[in-house]
Amino acid sequence: MKKDDIQEELKDVEQPFESKEEQDDEKDVRAEEALKETLKKIKETAREEDPKPSQQVNLRSILGGDILTAEMVRSQIWLFVLIVAFSIVYVAFRYQCQQDMQTIDRLETELKDAKNKALAASSTLTEKCRESHVLDILKQNKDSLLHIADQPPYIIQIPE
């Protein structure tokens, strides 16, 4: 074998050893980069607003207002606002409806009273307009010029 061939074989043997060291260095660099990326992802997902461990719901926490600080309540605040708004509108409409019903009852009572007064007045007028009642009044007032007709009424014929 020649000297050149031997040197080439030595280079071939040395290159894998060097490349293994370089490969180890590259693996270390890749591992460090992967570690940095993993830490970055963990920092992005970790927040200060992580939910606290669930507490037991009891009367004291409800009356004390502790339940209002829960994440569920804070995320549903617009639903609560909507429910309160609908409750206020419901109460207001019910109050207005009751006021209208009271007004209708009062007006119906006034209408009945007015109808009764009109009926009484009509009855009194009908009684006073009867012929027998008018004759009695004429007899009582002797100085009146009005009296009962002795002759039947005439029918006057007008030629056309």
C-alpha atoms as a PDB file:
ATOM      1  CA  MET A   1       0.000   0.000   0.000  1.00  0.00           C
ATOM      2  CA  LYS A   2       1.007   3.405  -0.650  1.00  0.00           C
ATOM      3  CA  LYS A   3       1.545   6.110   1.759  1.00  0.00           C
ATOM      4  CA  ASP A   4      -1.248   8.187   0.275  1.00  0.00           C
ATOM      5  CA  ASP A   5      -3.729   5.356   0.662  1.00  0.00           C
ATOM      6  CA  ILE A   6      -2.792   4.975   4.292  1.00  0.00           C
ATOM      7  CA  GLN A   7      -3.253   8.650   4.974  1.00  0.00           C
ATOM      8  CA  GLU A   8      -6.695   8.577   3.343  1.00  0.00           C
ATOM      9  CA  GLU A   9      -7.745   5.649   5.492  1.00  0.00           C
ATOM     10  CA  LEU A  10      -6.520   7.497   8.569  1.00  0.00           C
ATOM     11  CA  LYS A  11      -8.562  10.523   7.561  1.00  0.00           C
ATOM     12  CA  ASP A  12     -11.626   8.328   7.058  1.00  0.00           C
ATOM     13  CA  VAL A  13     -11.114   6.808  10.489  1.00  0.00           C
ATOM     14  CA  GLU A  14     -10.523  10.212  12.122  1.00  0.00           C
ATOM     15  CA  GLN A  15     -13.545  11.861  10.474  1.00  0.00           C
ATOM     16  CA  PRO A  16     -16.119   9.660  12.168  1.00  0.00           C
ATOM     17  CA  PHE A  17     -14.525  10.407  15.532  1.00  0.00           C
ATOM     18  CA  GLU A  18     -14.592  14.113  14.833  1.00  0.00           C
ATOM     19  CA  SER A  19     -18.101  13.966  13.475  1.00  0.00           C
ATOM     20  CA  LYS A  20     -19.258  12.078  16.594  1.00  0.00           C
ATOM     21  CA  GLU A  21     -17.923  14.893  18.734  1.00  0.00           C
ATOM     22  CA  GLU A  22     -19.536  17.397  16.447  1.00  0.00           C
ATOM     23  CA  GLN A  23     -22.732  15.339  16.520  1.00  0.00           C
ATOM     24  CA  ASP A  24     -22.669  15.357  20.313  1.00  0.00           C
ATOM     25  CA  ASP A  25     -22.174  19.133  20.277  1.00  0.00           C
ATOM     26  CA  GLU A  26     -25.043  19.510  17.798  1.00  0.00           C
ATOM     27  CA  LYS A  27     -27.249  17.289  19.954  1.00  0.00           C
ATOM     28  CA  ASP A  28     -26.437  19.420  22.975  1.00  0.00           C
ATOM     29  CA  VAL A  29     -27.282  22.587  21.034  1.00  0.00           C
ATOM     30  CA  ARG A  30     -30.547  21.056  19.791  1.00  0.00           C
ATOM     31  CA  ALA A  31     -31.411  19.883  23.289  1.00  0.00           C
ATOM     32  CA  GLU A  32     -30.770  23.374  24.658  1.00  0.00           C
ATOM     33  CA  GLU A  33     -32.935  24.918  21.915  1.00  0.00           C
ATOM     34  CA  ALA A  34     -35.716  22.400  22.571  1.00  0.00           C
ATOM     35  CA  LEU A  35     -35.459  23.171  26.286  1.00  0.00           C
ATOM     36  CA  LYS A  36     -35.687  26.919  25.607  1.00  0.00           C
ATOM     37  CA  GLU A  37     -38.723  26.419  23.342  1.00  0.00           C
ATOM     38  CA  THR A  38     -40.393  24.224  25.945  1.00  0.00           C
ATOM     39  CA  LEU A  39     -39.784  26.822  28.661  1.00  0.00           C
ATOM     40  CA  LYS A  40     -41.132  29.546  26.375  1.00  0.00           C
ATOM     41  CA  LYS A  41     -44.317  27.525  25.737  1.00  0.00           C
ATOM     42  CA  ILE A  42     -44.741  26.870  29.452  1.00  0.00           C
ATOM     43  CA  LYS A  43     -44.369  30.598  30.197  1.00  0.00           C
ATOM     44  CA  GLU A  44     -46.961  31.433  27.539  1.00  0.00           C
ATOM     45  CA  THR A  45     -49.508  28.993  28.916  1.00  0.00           C
ATOM     46  CA  ALA A  46     -48.875  29.737  32.596  1.00  0.00           C
ATOM     47  CA  ARG A  47     -50.766  32.794  33.832  1.00  0.00           C
ATOM     48  CA  GLU A  48     -51.364  34.493  37.089  1.00  0.00           C
ATOM     49  CA  GLU A  49     -55.089  34.036  36.555  1.00  0.00           C
ATOM     50  CA  ASP A  50     -54.972  30.284  36.915  1.00  0.00           C
ATOM     51  CA  PRO A  51     -58.091  29.137  38.714  1.00  0.00           C
ATOM     52  CA  LYS A  52     -57.735  28.581  42.400  1.00  0.00           C
ATOM     53  CA  PRO A  53     -58.591  25.199  43.788  1.00  0.00           C
ATOM     54  CA  SER A  54     -62.345  24.964  44.208  1.00  0.00           C
ATOM     55  CA  GLN A  55     -63.572  25.938  47.617  1.00  0.00           C
ATOM     56  CA  GLN A  56     -66.518  24.367  49.300  1.00  0.00           C
ATOM     57  CA  VAL A  57     -69.675  26.331  48.619  1.00  0.00           C
ATOM     58  CA  ASN A  58     -71.469  27.008  51.852  1.00  0.00           C
ATOM     59  CA  LEU A  59     -73.893  29.609  53.150  1.00  0.00           C
ATOM     60  CA  ARG A  60     -71.122  31.693  54.645  1.00  0.00           C
ATOM     61  CA  SER A  61     -69.260  31.983  51.318  1.00  0.00           C
ATOM     62  CA  ILE A  62     -72.491  32.900  49.525  1.00  0.00           C
ATOM     63  CA  LEU A  63     -73.570  35.537  52.069  1.00  0.00           C
ATOM     64  CA  GLY A  64     -70.045  36.856  52.445  1.00  0.00           C
ATOM     65  CA  GLY A  65     -69.757  37.411  48.703  1.00  0.00           C
ATOM     66  CA  ASP A  66     -66.817  35.063  48.254  1.00  0.00           C
ATOM     67  CA  ILE A  67     -68.700  33.227  45.523  1.00  0.00           C
ATOM     68  CA  LEU A  68     -68.790  36.421  43.426  1.00  0.00           C
ATOM     69  CA  THR A  69     -65.022  36.322  42.970  1.00  0.00           C
ATOM     70  CA  ALA A  70     -65.125  32.901  41.347  1.00  0.00           C
ATOM     71  CA  GLU A  71     -64.011  32.622  37.737  1.00  0.00           C
ATOM     72  CA  MET A  72     -67.363  31.157  36.703  1.00  0.00           C
ATOM     73  CA  VAL A  73     -69.256  34.183  37.978  1.00  0.00           C
ATOM     74  CA  ARG A  74     -66.839  36.628  36.381  1.00  0.00           C
ATOM     75  CA  SER A  75     -67.121  34.900  33.027  1.00  0.00           C
ATOM     76  CA  GLN A  76     -70.940  34.931  33.216  1.00  0.00           C
ATOM     77  CA  ILE A  77     -71.334  38.554  34.381  1.00  0.00           C
ATOM     78  CA  TRP A  78     -73.191  39.631  31.214  1.00  0.00           C
ATOM     79  CA  LEU A  79     -75.688  36.836  31.731  1.00  0.00           C
ATOM     80  CA  PHE A  80     -76.338  38.085  35.259  1.00  0.00           C
ATOM     81  CA  VAL A  81     -76.722  41.661  33.992  1.00  0.00           C
ATOM     82  CA  LEU A  82     -79.211  40.452  31.371  1.00  0.00           C
ATOM     83  CA  ILE A  83     -81.202  38.506  33.973  1.00  0.00           C
ATOM     84  CA  VAL A  84     -81.342  41.549  36.277  1.00  0.00           C
ATOM     85  CA  ALA A  85     -82.437  43.789  33.390  1.00  0.00           C
ATOM     86  CA  PHE A  86     -85.202  41.372  32.406  1.00  0.00           C
ATOM     87  CA  SER A  87     -86.312  41.137  36.048  1.00  0.00           C
ATOM     88  CA  ILE A  88     -86.545  44.922  36.317  1.00  0.00           C
ATOM     89  CA  VAL A  89     -88.506  45.136  33.061  1.00  0.00           C
ATOM     90  CA  TYR A  90     -90.806  42.342  34.237  1.00  0.00           C
ATOM     91  CA  VAL A  91     -91.521  44.058  37.555  1.00  0.00           C
ATOM     92  CA  ALA A  92     -92.077  47.416  35.836  1.00  0.00           C
ATOM     93  CA  PHE A  93     -94.529  45.922  33.321  1.00  0.00           C
ATOM     94  CA  ARG A  94     -96.366  44.068  36.060  1.00  0.00           C
ATOM     95  CA  TYR A  95     -96.684  47.272  38.108  1.00  0.00           C
ATOM     96  CA  GLN A  96     -97.936  49.175  35.040  1.00  0.00           C
ATOM     97  CA  CYS A  97    -100.423  46.386  34.291  1.00  0.00           C
ATOM     98  CA  GLN A  98    -101.766  46.505  37.848  1.00  0.00           C
ATOM     99  CA  GLN A  99    -102.141  50.289  37.614  1.00  0.00           C
ATOM    100  CA  ASP A 100    -104.032  49.915  34.312  1.00  0.00           C
ATOM    101  CA  MET A 101    -106.292  47.223  35.797  1.00  0.00           C
ATOM    102  CA  GLN A 102    -107.123  49.480  38.765  1.00  0.00           C
ATOM    103  CA  THR A 103    -107.915  52.339  36.375  1.00  0.00           C
ATOM    104  CA  ILE A 104    -110.144  50.048  34.299  1.00  0.00           C
ATOM    105  CA  ASP A 105    -112.013  48.885  37.439  1.00  0.00           C
ATOM    106  CA  ARG A 106    -112.510  52.496  38.584  1.00  0.00           C
ATOM    107  CA  LEU A 107    -113.775  53.565  35.150  1.00  0.00           C
ATOM    108  CA  GLU A 108    -116.135  50.568  34.948  1.00  0.00           C
ATOM    109  CA  THR A 109    -117.575  51.535  38.343  1.00  0.00           C
ATOM    110  CA  GLU A 110    -118.055  55.130  37.165  1.00  0.00           C
ATOM    111  CA  LEU A 111    -119.707  53.868  33.976  1.00  0.00           C
ATOM    112  CA  LYS A 112    -122.147  51.712  35.962  1.00  0.00           C
ATOM    113  CA  ASP A 113    -122.966  54.682  38.191  1.00  0.00           C
ATOM    114  CA  ALA A 114    -123.539  56.931  35.167  1.00  0.00           C
ATOM    115  CA  LYS A 115    -125.769  54.292  33.512  1.00  0.00           C
ATOM    116  CA  ASN A 116    -127.790  53.939  36.712  1.00  0.00           C
ATOM    117  CA  LYS A 117    -128.227  57.727  36.980  1.00  0.00           C
ATOM    118  CA  ALA A 118    -129.258  57.936  33.310  1.00  0.00           C
ATOM    119  CA  LEU A 119    -131.749  55.091  33.797  1.00  0.00           C
ATOM    120  CA  ALA A 120    -133.204  56.770  36.885  1.00  0.00           C
ATOM    121  CA  ALA A 121    -133.501  60.115  35.063  1.00  0.00           C
ATOM    122  CA  SER A 122    -135.124  58.431  32.055  1.00  0.00           C
ATOM    123  CA  SER A 123    -137.575  56.633  34.335  1.00  0.00           C
ATOM    124  CA  THR A 124    -138.502  59.862  36.124  1.00  0.00           C
ATOM    125  CA  LEU A 125    -138.962  61.689  32.799  1.00  0.00           C
ATOM    126  CA  THR A 126    -141.137  58.896  31.412  1.00  0.00           C
ATOM    127  CA  GLU A 127    -143.295  58.962  34.540  1.00  0.00           C
ATOM    128  CA  LYS A 128    -143.768  62.734  34.404  1.00  0.00           C
ATOM    129  CA  CYS A 129    -144.622  62.685  30.694  1.00  0.00           C
ATOM    130  CA  ARG A 130    -147.488  60.195  31.004  1.00  0.00           C
ATOM    131  CA  GLU A 131    -150.884  61.541  30.002  1.00  0.00           C
ATOM    132  CA  SER A 132    -152.526  60.625  33.285  1.00  0.00           C
ATOM    133  CA  HIS A 133    -149.861  62.435  35.264  1.00  0.00           C
ATOM    134  CA  VAL A 134    -150.156  65.516  33.017  1.00  0.00           C
ATOM    135  CA  LEU A 135    -153.965  65.520  33.493  1.00  0.00           C
ATOM    136  CA  ASP A 136    -153.595  65.331  37.255  1.00  0.00           C
ATOM    137  CA  ILE A 137    -151.278  68.327  37.215  1.00  0.00           C
ATOM    138  CA  LEU A 138    -153.736  70.291  35.013  1.00  0.00           C
ATOM    139  CA  LYS A 139    -156.585  69.538  37.407  1.00  0.00           C
ATOM    140  CA  GLN A 140    -154.535  70.721  40.368  1.00  0.00           C
ATOM    141  CA  ASN A 141    -153.720  74.011  38.628  1.00  0.00           C
ATOM    142  CA  LYS A 142    -157.173  75.453  38.021  1.00  0.00           C
ATOM    143  CA  ASP A 143    -155.830  78.695  36.653  1.00  0.00           C
ATOM    144  CA  SER A 144    -154.207  76.910  33.700  1.00  0.00           C
ATOM    145  CA  LEU A 145    -155.591  77.560  30.241  1.00  0.00           C
ATOM    146  CA  LEU A 146    -154.787  74.072  29.103  1.00  0.00           C
ATOM    147  CA  HIS A 147    -157.531  71.473  29.107  1.00  0.00           C
ATOM    148  CA  ILE A 148    -158.438  68.171  27.479  1.00  0.00           C
ATOM    149  CA  ALA A 149    -159.732  68.457  23.911  1.00  0.00           C
ATOM    150  CA  ASP A 150    -163.446  67.695  23.427  1.00  0.00           C
ATOM    151  CA  GLN A 151    -163.204  67.114  19.690  1.00  0.00           C
ATOM    152  CA  PRO A 152    -161.008  64.612  17.879  1.00  0.00           C
ATOM    153  CA  PRO A 153    -158.086  65.957  15.891  1.00  0.00           C
ATOM    154  CA  TYR A 154    -158.745  66.991  12.283  1.00  0.00           C
ATOM    155  CA  ILE A 155    -156.825  65.623   9.326  1.00  0.00           C
ATOM    156  CA  ILE A 156    -156.129  68.418   6.876  1.00  0.00           C
ATOM    157  CA  GLN A 157    -155.840  67.373   3.271  1.00  0.00           C
ATOM    158  CA  ILE A 158    -153.534  69.486   1.145  1.00  0.00           C
ATOM    159  CA  PRO A 159    -153.829  68.905  -2.599  1.00  0.00           C
ATOM    160  CA  GLU A 160    -150.543  68.522  -4.295  1.00  0.00           C
END
